[in-house]
Amino acid sequence: MKRNNHIKTISPVGKKESKNKVEGDVADWNNIDDLIADIRQTPLSKSEVGAVHVAIAEAYLDVTNNILAHYKQSLEETVREWKKLDEMRKNFDEKYNLAKVRLSLSSK
């Protein structure tokens, strides 16, 4: 049996630059799927199969970590915006209450 050593190497996953990070991660999942398809067509020894499984697990972990990092960053940005809005609401309430006091004093 002739060995086929034309397995794609795993490129750094999740390093694509795109406007929408999740789209880049979807492409990374497709890259992993292509890699798995290539591996299924290649005869490997047991040790090579084990090494491939480890490499695939690392690739999945990288992609998952990148997706989680994206959502964490998005959540942090949302929290910052909420804090800004809350501060604006507090400032408005303070000015509104002062205006009500002034109005009540001027009407007396």
PDB file of N, CA and C in Angstrom:
ATOM      1  N   MET A   1       0.845  -1.167   0.000  1.00  0.00           N
ATOM      2  CA  MET A   1       0.000   0.000   0.000  1.00  0.00           C
ATOM      3  C   MET A   1       0.897   1.240   0.000  1.00  0.00           C
ATOM      4  N   LYS A   2       0.657   2.114  -0.950  1.00  0.00           N
ATOM      5  CA  LYS A   2       1.451   3.332  -1.077  1.00  0.00           C
ATOM      6  C   LYS A   2       0.898   4.401  -0.141  1.00  0.00           C
ATOM      7  N   ARG A   3       1.799   5.074   0.567  1.00  0.00           N
ATOM      8  CA  ARG A   3       1.378   6.110   1.518  1.00  0.00           C
ATOM      9  C   ARG A   3       1.192   7.427   0.784  1.00  0.00           C
ATOM     10  N   ASN A   4       0.148   8.105   1.120  1.00  0.00           N
ATOM     11  CA  ASN A   4      -0.143   9.409   0.537  1.00  0.00           C
ATOM     12  C   ASN A   4       0.151  10.461   1.596  1.00  0.00           C
ATOM     13  N   ASN A   5       1.210  11.208   1.415  1.00  0.00           N
ATOM     14  CA  ASN A   5       1.611  12.216   2.405  1.00  0.00           C
ATOM     15  C   ASN A   5       1.237  13.624   1.960  1.00  0.00           C
ATOM     16  N   HIS A   6       0.086  13.752   1.352  1.00  0.00           N
ATOM     17  CA  HIS A   6      -0.347  15.065   0.868  1.00  0.00           C
ATOM     18  C   HIS A   6      -1.434  15.652   1.748  1.00  0.00           C
ATOM     19  N   ILE A   7      -1.245  15.580   3.040  1.00  0.00           N
ATOM     20  CA  ILE A   7      -2.208  16.155   3.977  1.00  0.00           C
ATOM     21  C   ILE A   7      -1.929  17.643   4.099  1.00  0.00           C
ATOM     22  N   LYS A   8      -2.999  18.420   4.087  1.00  0.00           N
ATOM     23  CA  LYS A   8      -2.837  19.867   4.281  1.00  0.00           C
ATOM     24  C   LYS A   8      -2.287  20.126   5.675  1.00  0.00           C
ATOM     25  N   THR A   9      -1.427  21.095   5.776  1.00  0.00           N
ATOM     26  CA  THR A   9      -0.969  21.488   7.108  1.00  0.00           C
ATOM     27  C   THR A   9      -1.977  22.469   7.679  1.00  0.00           C
ATOM     28  N   ILE A  10      -2.092  22.461   8.975  1.00  0.00           N
ATOM     29  CA  ILE A  10      -3.039  23.362   9.634  1.00  0.00           C
ATOM     30  C   ILE A  10      -2.406  24.742   9.719  1.00  0.00           C
ATOM     31  N   SER A  11      -3.074  25.683   9.087  1.00  0.00           N
ATOM     32  CA  SER A  11      -2.594  27.060   9.173  1.00  0.00           C
ATOM     33  C   SER A  11      -3.090  27.649  10.481  1.00  0.00           C
ATOM     34  N   PRO A  12      -2.471  28.753  10.936  1.00  0.00           N
ATOM     35  CA  PRO A  12      -2.957  29.373  12.177  1.00  0.00           C
ATOM     36  C   PRO A  12      -4.430  29.729  12.020  1.00  0.00           C
ATOM     37  N   VAL A  13      -5.238  29.133  12.840  1.00  0.00           N
ATOM     38  CA  VAL A  13      -6.680  29.307  12.730  1.00  0.00           C
ATOM     39  C   VAL A  13      -7.102  30.554  13.481  1.00  0.00           C
ATOM     40  N   GLY A  14      -8.073  31.264  12.911  1.00  0.00           N
ATOM     41  CA  GLY A  14      -8.632  32.427  13.591  1.00  0.00           C
ATOM     42  C   GLY A  14      -7.800  33.680  13.430  1.00  0.00           C
ATOM     43  N   LYS A  15      -6.835  33.673  12.521  1.00  0.00           N
ATOM     44  CA  LYS A  15      -5.979  34.841  12.359  1.00  0.00           C
ATOM     45  C   LYS A  15      -6.421  35.707  11.183  1.00  0.00           C
ATOM     46  N   LYS A  16      -7.547  35.383  10.565  1.00  0.00           N
ATOM     47  CA  LYS A  16      -8.014  36.149   9.426  1.00  0.00           C
ATOM     48  C   LYS A  16      -8.527  37.504   9.897  1.00  0.00           C
ATOM     49  N   GLU A  17      -8.220  38.518   9.121  1.00  0.00           N
ATOM     50  CA  GLU A  17      -8.716  39.847   9.435  1.00  0.00           C
ATOM     51  C   GLU A  17      -9.954  40.084   8.580  1.00  0.00           C
ATOM     52  N   SER A  18     -11.035  40.404   9.186  1.00  0.00           N
ATOM     53  CA  SER A  18     -12.241  40.741   8.453  1.00  0.00           C
ATOM     54  C   SER A  18     -13.045  41.720   9.287  1.00  0.00           C
ATOM     55  N   LYS A  19     -13.969  42.400   8.599  1.00  0.00           N
ATOM     56  CA  LYS A  19     -14.813  43.339   9.326  1.00  0.00           C
ATOM     57  C   LYS A  19     -15.615  42.623  10.388  1.00  0.00           C
ATOM     58  N   ASN A  20     -16.191  41.509  10.004  1.00  0.00           N
ATOM     59  CA  ASN A  20     -17.013  40.732  10.930  1.00  0.00           C
ATOM     60  C   ASN A  20     -16.223  39.499  11.326  1.00  0.00           C
ATOM     61  N   LYS A  21     -15.715  39.499  12.530  1.00  0.00           N
ATOM     62  CA  LYS A  21     -14.839  38.419  12.997  1.00  0.00           C
ATOM     63  C   LYS A  21     -15.511  37.059  12.897  1.00  0.00           C
ATOM     64  N   VAL A  22     -16.810  37.008  13.106  1.00  0.00           N
ATOM     65  CA  VAL A  22     -17.501  35.724  13.075  1.00  0.00           C
ATOM     66  C   VAL A  22     -17.440  35.126  11.676  1.00  0.00           C
ATOM     67  N   GLU A  23     -17.526  35.949  10.620  1.00  0.00           N
ATOM     68  CA  GLU A  23     -17.404  35.420   9.269  1.00  0.00           C
ATOM     69  C   GLU A  23     -16.055  34.755   9.071  1.00  0.00           C
ATOM     70  N   GLY A  24     -14.989  35.355   9.574  1.00  0.00           N
ATOM     71  CA  GLY A  24     -13.664  34.748   9.476  1.00  0.00           C
ATOM     72  C   GLY A  24     -13.614  33.426  10.203  1.00  0.00           C
ATOM     73  N   ASP A  25     -14.290  33.351  11.347  1.00  0.00           N
ATOM     74  CA  ASP A  25     -14.305  32.106  12.105  1.00  0.00           C
ATOM     75  C   ASP A  25     -15.079  31.021  11.379  1.00  0.00           C
ATOM     76  N   VAL A  26     -16.153  31.387  10.669  1.00  0.00           N
ATOM     77  CA  VAL A  26     -16.894  30.400   9.883  1.00  0.00           C
ATOM     78  C   VAL A  26     -15.986  29.833   8.807  1.00  0.00           C
ATOM     79  N   ALA A  27     -15.184  30.689   8.184  1.00  0.00           N
ATOM     80  CA  ALA A  27     -14.224  30.210   7.193  1.00  0.00           C
ATOM     81  C   ALA A  27     -13.221  29.261   7.841  1.00  0.00           C
ATOM     82  N   ASP A  28     -12.833  29.544   9.083  1.00  0.00           N
ATOM     83  CA  ASP A  28     -11.908  28.665   9.791  1.00  0.00           C
ATOM     84  C   ASP A  28     -12.537  27.304  10.042  1.00  0.00           C
ATOM     85  N   TRP A  29     -13.837  27.280  10.393  1.00  0.00           N
ATOM     86  CA  TRP A  29     -14.516  25.991  10.588  1.00  0.00           C
ATOM     87  C   TRP A  29     -14.498  25.207   9.282  1.00  0.00           C
ATOM     88  N   ASN A  30     -14.718  25.899   8.148  1.00  0.00           N
ATOM     89  CA  ASN A  30     -14.685  25.226   6.849  1.00  0.00           C
ATOM     90  C   ASN A  30     -13.292  24.687   6.558  1.00  0.00           C
ATOM     91  N   ASN A  31     -12.259  25.425   6.956  1.00  0.00           N
ATOM     92  CA  ASN A  31     -10.881  24.975   6.782  1.00  0.00           C
ATOM     93  C   ASN A  31     -10.657  23.669   7.542  1.00  0.00           C
ATOM     94  N   ILE A  32     -11.177  23.594   8.752  1.00  0.00           N
ATOM     95  CA  ILE A  32     -11.042  22.379   9.556  1.00  0.00           C
ATOM     96  C   ILE A  32     -11.803  21.234   8.897  1.00  0.00           C
ATOM     97  N   ASP A  33     -13.005  21.521   8.387  1.00  0.00           N
ATOM     98  CA  ASP A  33     -13.784  20.480   7.707  1.00  0.00           C
ATOM     99  C   ASP A  33     -13.044  19.944   6.482  1.00  0.00           C
ATOM    100  N   ASP A  34     -12.410  20.848   5.717  1.00  0.00           N
ATOM    101  CA  ASP A  34     -11.611  20.413   4.562  1.00  0.00           C
ATOM    102  C   ASP A  34     -10.452  19.537   5.003  1.00  0.00           C
ATOM    103  N   LEU A  35      -9.819  19.919   6.089  1.00  0.00           N
ATOM    104  CA  LEU A  35      -8.693  19.147   6.615  1.00  0.00           C
ATOM    105  C   LEU A  35      -9.141  17.741   7.013  1.00  0.00           C
ATOM    106  N   ILE A  36     -10.276  17.646   7.677  1.00  0.00           N
ATOM    107  CA  ILE A  36     -10.796  16.338   8.087  1.00  0.00           C
ATOM    108  C   ILE A  36     -11.110  15.485   6.861  1.00  0.00           C
ATOM    109  N   ALA A  37     -11.698  16.089   5.834  1.00  0.00           N
ATOM    110  CA  ALA A  37     -12.012  15.342   4.607  1.00  0.00           C
ATOM    111  C   ALA A  37     -10.736  14.811   3.960  1.00  0.00           C
ATOM    112  N   ASP A  38      -9.682  15.626   3.924  1.00  0.00           N
ATOM    113  CA  ASP A  38      -8.401  15.173   3.361  1.00  0.00           C
ATOM    114  C   ASP A  38      -7.808  14.032   4.176  1.00  0.00           C
ATOM    115  N   ILE A  39      -7.921  14.126   5.482  1.00  0.00           N
ATOM    116  CA  ILE A  39      -7.354  13.091   6.358  1.00  0.00           C
ATOM    117  C   ILE A  39      -8.072  11.761   6.151  1.00  0.00           C
ATOM    118  N   ARG A  40      -9.383  11.811   5.972  1.00  0.00           N
ATOM    119  CA  ARG A  40     -10.155  10.574   5.776  1.00  0.00           C
ATOM    120  C   ARG A  40      -9.726   9.835   4.513  1.00  0.00           C
ATOM    121  N   GLN A  41      -9.210  10.557   3.536  1.00  0.00           N
ATOM    122  CA  GLN A  41      -8.802   9.945   2.275  1.00  0.00           C
ATOM    123  C   GLN A  41      -7.339   9.517   2.284  1.00  0.00           C
ATOM    124  N   THR A  42      -6.630   9.738   3.376  1.00  0.00           N
ATOM    125  CA  THR A  42      -5.202   9.445   3.456  1.00  0.00           C
ATOM    126  C   THR A  42      -4.963   8.305   4.433  1.00  0.00           C
ATOM    127  N   PRO A  43      -4.269   7.229   3.980  1.00  0.00           N
ATOM    128  CA  PRO A  43      -3.948   6.151   4.919  1.00  0.00           C
ATOM    129  C   PRO A  43      -2.894   6.625   5.923  1.00  0.00           C
ATOM    130  N   LEU A  44      -3.165   6.422   7.214  1.00  0.00           N
ATOM    131  CA  LEU A  44      -2.260   6.886   8.262  1.00  0.00           C
ATOM    132  C   LEU A  44      -2.000   5.764   9.259  1.00  0.00           C
ATOM    133  N   SER A  45      -0.834   5.832   9.895  1.00  0.00           N
ATOM    134  CA  SER A  45      -0.551   4.892  10.985  1.00  0.00           C
ATOM    135  C   SER A  45      -1.316   5.354  12.225  1.00  0.00           C
ATOM    136  N   LYS A  46      -1.379   4.490  13.237  1.00  0.00           N
ATOM    137  CA  LYS A  46      -2.113   4.849  14.457  1.00  0.00           C
ATOM    138  C   LYS A  46      -1.521   6.084  15.124  1.00  0.00           C
ATOM    139  N   SER A  47      -0.198   6.195  15.140  1.00  0.00           N
ATOM    140  CA  SER A  47       0.416   7.367  15.776  1.00  0.00           C
ATOM    141  C   SER A  47       0.112   8.635  14.985  1.00  0.00           C
ATOM    142  N   GLU A  48       0.079   8.518  13.653  1.00  0.00           N
ATOM    143  CA  GLU A  48      -0.257   9.687  12.835  1.00  0.00           C
ATOM    144  C   GLU A  48      -1.715  10.092  13.048  1.00  0.00           C
ATOM    145  N   VAL A  49      -2.590   9.099  13.177  1.00  0.00           N
ATOM    146  CA  VAL A  49      -4.001   9.397  13.432  1.00  0.00           C
ATOM    147  C   VAL A  49      -4.143  10.135  14.760  1.00  0.00           C
ATOM    148  N   GLY A  50      -3.414   9.681  15.780  1.00  0.00           N
ATOM    149  CA  GLY A  50      -3.453  10.354  17.076  1.00  0.00           C
ATOM    150  C   GLY A  50      -2.957  11.786  16.980  1.00  0.00           C
ATOM    151  N   ALA A  51      -1.866  11.983  16.244  1.00  0.00           N
ATOM    152  CA  ALA A  51      -1.320  13.334  16.072  1.00  0.00           C
ATOM    153  C   ALA A  51      -2.308  14.223  15.326  1.00  0.00           C
ATOM    154  N   VAL A  52      -2.976  13.656  14.339  1.00  0.00           N
ATOM    155  CA  VAL A  52      -3.964  14.423  13.580  1.00  0.00           C
ATOM    156  C   VAL A  52      -5.135  14.814  14.481  1.00  0.00           C
ATOM    157  N   HIS A  53      -5.590  13.881  15.312  1.00  0.00           N
ATOM    158  CA  HIS A  53      -6.693  14.205  16.226  1.00  0.00           C
ATOM    159  C   HIS A  53      -6.306  15.330  17.181  1.00  0.00           C
ATOM    160  N   VAL A  54      -5.088  15.311  17.662  1.00  0.00           N
ATOM    161  CA  VAL A  54      -4.618  16.385  18.545  1.00  0.00           C
ATOM    162  C   VAL A  54      -4.589  17.710  17.786  1.00  0.00           C
ATOM    163  N   ALA A  55      -4.082  17.682  16.553  1.00  0.00           N
ATOM    164  CA  ALA A  55      -4.008  18.912  15.754  1.00  0.00           C
ATOM    165  C   ALA A  55      -5.401  19.463  15.468  1.00  0.00           C
ATOM    166  N   ILE A  56      -6.338  18.582  15.160  1.00  0.00           N
ATOM    167  CA  ILE A  56      -7.707  19.032  14.888  1.00  0.00           C
ATOM    168  C   ILE A  56      -8.338  19.602  16.156  1.00  0.00           C
ATOM    169  N   ALA A  57      -8.117  18.941  17.282  1.00  0.00           N
ATOM    170  CA  ALA A  57      -8.655  19.451  18.551  1.00  0.00           C
ATOM    171  C   ALA A  57      -8.092  20.837  18.853  1.00  0.00           C
ATOM    172  N   GLU A  58      -6.800  21.036  18.598  1.00  0.00           N
ATOM    173  CA  GLU A  58      -6.191  22.354  18.821  1.00  0.00           C
ATOM    174  C   GLU A  58      -6.797  23.391  17.889  1.00  0.00           C
ATOM    175  N   ALA A  59      -7.047  22.995  16.635  1.00  0.00           N
ATOM    176  CA  ALA A  59      -7.647  23.931  15.682  1.00  0.00           C
ATOM    177  C   ALA A  59      -9.061  24.307  16.120  1.00  0.00           C
ATOM    178  N   TYR A  60      -9.858  23.318  16.537  1.00  0.00           N
ATOM    179  CA  TYR A  60     -11.200  23.614  17.044  1.00  0.00           C
ATOM    180  C   TYR A  60     -11.126  24.540  18.254  1.00  0.00           C
ATOM    181  N   LEU A  61     -10.197  24.290  19.143  1.00  0.00           N
ATOM    182  CA  LEU A  61     -10.047  25.115  20.336  1.00  0.00           C
ATOM    183  C   LEU A  61      -9.685  26.550  19.965  1.00  0.00           C
ATOM    184  N   ASP A  62      -8.766  26.718  19.004  1.00  0.00           N
ATOM    185  CA  ASP A  62      -8.391  28.064  18.558  1.00  0.00           C
ATOM    186  C   ASP A  62      -9.593  28.816  17.995  1.00  0.00           C
ATOM    187  N   VAL A  63     -10.351  28.141  17.137  1.00  0.00           N
ATOM    188  CA  VAL A  63     -11.514  28.791  16.527  1.00  0.00           C
ATOM    189  C   VAL A  63     -12.539  29.147  17.597  1.00  0.00           C
ATOM    190  N   THR A  64     -12.806  28.212  18.489  1.00  0.00           N
ATOM    191  CA  THR A  64     -13.775  28.460  19.561  1.00  0.00           C
ATOM    192  C   THR A  64     -13.328  29.615  20.445  1.00  0.00           C
ATOM    193  N   ASN A  65     -12.050  29.653  20.790  1.00  0.00           N
ATOM    194  CA  ASN A  65     -11.532  30.755  21.612  1.00  0.00           C
ATOM    195  C   ASN A  65     -11.682  32.089  20.900  1.00  0.00           C
ATOM    196  N   ASN A  66     -11.449  32.108  19.579  1.00  0.00           N
ATOM    197  CA  ASN A  66     -11.599  33.355  18.831  1.00  0.00           C
ATOM    198  C   ASN A  66     -13.049  33.816  18.803  1.00  0.00           C
ATOM    199  N   ILE A  67     -13.975  32.872  18.644  1.00  0.00           N
ATOM    200  CA  ILE A  67     -15.395  33.234  18.660  1.00  0.00           C
ATOM    201  C   ILE A  67     -15.781  33.771  20.032  1.00  0.00           C
ATOM    202  N   LEU A  68     -15.343  33.091  21.089  1.00  0.00           N
ATOM    203  CA  LEU A  68     -15.651  33.555  22.446  1.00  0.00           C
ATOM    204  C   LEU A  68     -15.033  34.922  22.713  1.00  0.00           C
ATOM    205  N   ALA A  69     -13.814  35.151  22.235  1.00  0.00           N
ATOM    206  CA  ALA A  69     -13.167  36.451  22.421  1.00  0.00           C
ATOM    207  C   ALA A  69     -13.962  37.546  21.712  1.00  0.00           C
ATOM    208  N   HIS A  70     -14.474  37.224  20.517  1.00  0.00           N
ATOM    209  CA  HIS A  70     -15.281  38.197  19.773  1.00  0.00           C
ATOM    210  C   HIS A  70     -16.533  38.575  20.570  1.00  0.00           C
ATOM    211  N   TYR A  71     -17.240  37.563  21.073  1.00  0.00           N
ATOM    212  CA  TYR A  71     -18.462  37.841  21.826  1.00  0.00           C
ATOM    213  C   TYR A  71     -18.169  38.518  23.156  1.00  0.00           C
ATOM    214  N   LYS A  72     -17.048  38.195  23.780  1.00  0.00           N
ATOM    215  CA  LYS A  72     -16.665  38.865  25.024  1.00  0.00           C
ATOM    216  C   LYS A  72     -16.415  40.343  24.756  1.00  0.00           C
ATOM    217  N   GLN A  73     -15.684  40.635  23.679  1.00  0.00           N
ATOM    218  CA  GLN A  73     -15.404  42.024  23.327  1.00  0.00           C
ATOM    219  C   GLN A  73     -16.709  42.765  23.022  1.00  0.00           C
ATOM    220  N   SER A  74     -17.600  42.119  22.293  1.00  0.00           N
ATOM    221  CA  SER A  74     -18.883  42.730  21.969  1.00  0.00           C
ATOM    222  C   SER A  74     -19.686  43.014  23.237  1.00  0.00           C
ATOM    223  N   LEU A  75     -19.692  42.079  24.162  1.00  0.00           N
ATOM    224  CA  LEU A  75     -20.406  42.262  25.426  1.00  0.00           C
ATOM    225  C   LEU A  75     -19.791  43.395  26.239  1.00  0.00           C
ATOM    226  N   GLU A  76     -18.457  43.464  26.276  1.00  0.00           N
ATOM    227  CA  GLU A  76     -17.791  44.546  27.009  1.00  0.00           C
ATOM    228  C   GLU A  76     -18.135  45.900  26.407  1.00  0.00           C
ATOM    229  N   GLU A  77     -18.194  45.978  25.065  1.00  0.00           N
ATOM    230  CA  GLU A  77     -18.570  47.231  24.412  1.00  0.00           C
ATOM    231  C   GLU A  77     -20.008  47.610  24.761  1.00  0.00           C
ATOM    232  N   THR A  78     -20.886  46.623  24.800  1.00  0.00           N
ATOM    233  CA  THR A  78     -22.282  46.877  25.154  1.00  0.00           C
ATOM    234  C   THR A  78     -22.392  47.397  26.581  1.00  0.00           C
ATOM    235  N   VAL A  79     -21.654  46.798  27.501  1.00  0.00           N
ATOM    236  CA  VAL A  79     -21.674  47.243  28.898  1.00  0.00           C
ATOM    237  C   VAL A  79     -21.161  48.675  29.001  1.00  0.00           C
ATOM    238  N   ARG A  80     -20.087  48.999  28.258  1.00  0.00           N
ATOM    239  CA  ARG A  80     -19.573  50.377  28.269  1.00  0.00           C
ATOM    240  C   ARG A  80     -20.633  51.356  27.765  1.00  0.00           C
ATOM    241  N   GLU A  81     -21.337  50.976  26.706  1.00  0.00           N
ATOM    242  CA  GLU A  81     -22.386  51.848  26.174  1.00  0.00           C
ATOM    243  C   GLU A  81     -23.519  52.017  27.179  1.00  0.00           C
ATOM    244  N   TRP A  82     -23.892  50.942  27.854  1.00  0.00           N
ATOM    245  CA  TRP A  82     -24.938  51.036  28.872  1.00  0.00           C
ATOM    246  C   TRP A  82     -24.516  51.957  30.000  1.00  0.00           C
ATOM    247  N   LYS A  83     -23.253  51.876  30.395  1.00  0.00           N
ATOM    248  CA  LYS A  83     -22.759  52.752  31.463  1.00  0.00           C
ATOM    249  C   LYS A  83     -22.813  54.209  31.023  1.00  0.00           C
ATOM    250  N   LYS A  84     -22.460  54.469  29.756  1.00  0.00           N
ATOM    251  CA  LYS A  84     -22.535  55.835  29.242  1.00  0.00           C
ATOM    252  C   LYS A  84     -23.983  56.326  29.253  1.00  0.00           C
ATOM    253  N   LEU A  85     -24.890  55.463  28.791  1.00  0.00           N
ATOM    254  CA  LEU A  85     -26.302  55.843  28.782  1.00  0.00           C
ATOM    255  C   LEU A  85     -26.829  56.067  30.189  1.00  0.00           C
ATOM    256  N   ASP A  86     -26.408  55.250  31.124  1.00  0.00           N
ATOM    257  CA  ASP A  86     -26.840  55.410  32.511  1.00  0.00           C
ATOM    258  C   ASP A  86     -26.333  56.731  33.076  1.00  0.00           C
ATOM    259  N   GLU A  87     -25.090  57.077  32.761  1.00  0.00           N
ATOM    260  CA  GLU A  87     -24.526  58.351  33.219  1.00  0.00           C
ATOM    261  C   GLU A  87     -25.291  59.523  32.600  1.00  0.00           C
ATOM    262  N   MET A  88     -25.629  59.404  31.318  1.00  0.00           N
ATOM    263  CA  MET A  88     -26.404  60.456  30.661  1.00  0.00           C
ATOM    264  C   MET A  88     -27.781  60.592  31.311  1.00  0.00           C
ATOM    265  N   ARG A  89     -28.411  59.461  31.646  1.00  0.00           N
ATOM    266  CA  ARG A  89     -29.718  59.493  32.306  1.00  0.00           C
ATOM    267  C   ARG A  89     -29.611  60.179  33.660  1.00  0.00           C
ATOM    268  N   LYS A  90     -28.565  59.859  34.416  1.00  0.00           N
ATOM    269  CA  LYS A  90     -28.376  60.483  35.733  1.00  0.00           C
ATOM    270  C   LYS A  90     -28.190  61.988  35.591  1.00  0.00           C
ATOM    271  N   ASN A  91     -27.390  62.408  34.614  1.00  0.00           N
ATOM    272  CA  ASN A  91     -27.184  63.844  34.380  1.00  0.00           C
ATOM    273  C   ASN A  91     -28.493  64.526  33.993  1.00  0.00           C
ATOM    274  N   PHE A  92     -29.261  63.867  33.136  1.00  0.00           N
ATOM    275  CA  PHE A  92     -30.548  64.429  32.738  1.00  0.00           C
ATOM    276  C   PHE A  92     -31.478  64.547  33.939  1.00  0.00           C
ATOM    277  N   ASP A  93     -31.577  63.488  34.736  1.00  0.00           N
ATOM    278  CA  ASP A  93     -32.451  63.513  35.918  1.00  0.00           C
ATOM    279  C   ASP A  93     -32.051  64.637  36.866  1.00  0.00           C
ATOM    280  N   GLU A  94     -30.748  64.817  37.033  1.00  0.00           N
ATOM    281  CA  GLU A  94     -30.255  65.871  37.924  1.00  0.00           C
ATOM    282  C   GLU A  94     -30.661  67.248  37.396  1.00  0.00           C
ATOM    283  N   LYS A  95     -30.461  67.487  36.106  1.00  0.00           N
ATOM    284  CA  LYS A  95     -30.827  68.776  35.518  1.00  0.00           C
ATOM    285  C   LYS A  95     -32.342  68.973  35.525  1.00  0.00           C
ATOM    286  N   TYR A  96     -33.066  67.904  35.277  1.00  0.00           N
ATOM    287  CA  TYR A  96     -34.530  67.988  35.283  1.00  0.00           C
ATOM    288  C   TYR A  96     -35.045  68.339  36.675  1.00  0.00           C
ATOM    289  N   ASN A  97     -34.493  67.704  37.692  1.00  0.00           N
ATOM    290  CA  ASN A  97     -34.908  68.001  39.072  1.00  0.00           C
ATOM    291  C   ASN A  97     -34.554  69.432  39.459  1.00  0.00           C
ATOM    292  N   LEU A  98     -33.377  69.912  39.036  1.00  0.00           N
ATOM    293  CA  LEU A  98     -33.012  71.309  39.298  1.00  0.00           C
ATOM    294  C   LEU A  98     -33.974  72.263  38.602  1.00  0.00           C
ATOM    295  N   ALA A  99     -34.343  71.932  37.378  1.00  0.00           N
ATOM    296  CA  ALA A  99     -35.283  72.787  36.645  1.00  0.00           C
ATOM    297  C   ALA A  99     -36.641  72.814  37.339  1.00  0.00           C
ATOM    298  N   LYS A 100     -37.093  71.683  37.866  1.00  0.00           N
ATOM    299  CA  LYS A 100     -38.370  71.642  38.593  1.00  0.00           C
ATOM    300  C   LYS A 100     -38.293  72.497  39.849  1.00  0.00           C
ATOM    301  N   VAL A 101     -37.167  72.443  40.568  1.00  0.00           N
ATOM    302  CA  VAL A 101     -37.003  73.254  41.780  1.00  0.00           C
ATOM    303  C   VAL A 101     -37.015  74.729  41.414  1.00  0.00           C
ATOM    304  N   ARG A 102     -36.293  75.109  40.362  1.00  0.00           N
ATOM    305  CA  ARG A 102     -36.265  76.513  39.930  1.00  0.00           C
ATOM    306  C   ARG A 102     -37.650  76.990  39.529  1.00  0.00           C
ATOM    307  N   LEU A 103     -38.376  76.129  38.812  1.00  0.00           N
ATOM    308  CA  LEU A 103     -39.721  76.499  38.386  1.00  0.00           C
ATOM    309  C   LEU A 103     -40.634  76.700  39.588  1.00  0.00           C
ATOM    310  N   SER A 104     -40.528  75.810  40.565  1.00  0.00           N
ATOM    311  CA  SER A 104     -41.384  75.949  41.756  1.00  0.00           C
ATOM    312  C   SER A 104     -41.000  77.187  42.559  1.00  0.00           C
ATOM    313  N   LEU A 105     -39.712  77.545  42.615  1.00  0.00           N
ATOM    314  CA  LEU A 105     -39.283  78.744  43.340  1.00  0.00           C
ATOM    315  C   LEU A 105     -39.706  80.011  42.607  1.00  0.00           C
ATOM    316  N   SER A 106     -39.639  79.990  41.297  1.00  0.00           N
ATOM    317  CA  SER A 106     -39.990  81.199  40.540  1.00  0.00           C
ATOM    318  C   SER A 106     -41.497  81.429  40.507  1.00  0.00           C
ATOM    319  N   SER A 107     -42.289  80.394  40.683  1.00  0.00           N
ATOM    320  CA  SER A 107     -43.748  80.557  40.653  1.00  0.00           C
ATOM    321  C   SER A 107     -44.292  81.032  41.995  1.00  0.00           C
ATOM    322  N   LYS A 108     -43.489  81.032  43.037  1.00  0.00           N
ATOM    323  CA  LYS A 108     -43.960  81.455  44.363  1.00  0.00           C
ATOM    324  C   LYS A 108     -43.907  82.928  44.522  1.00  0.00           C
TER     325      LYS A 108
END
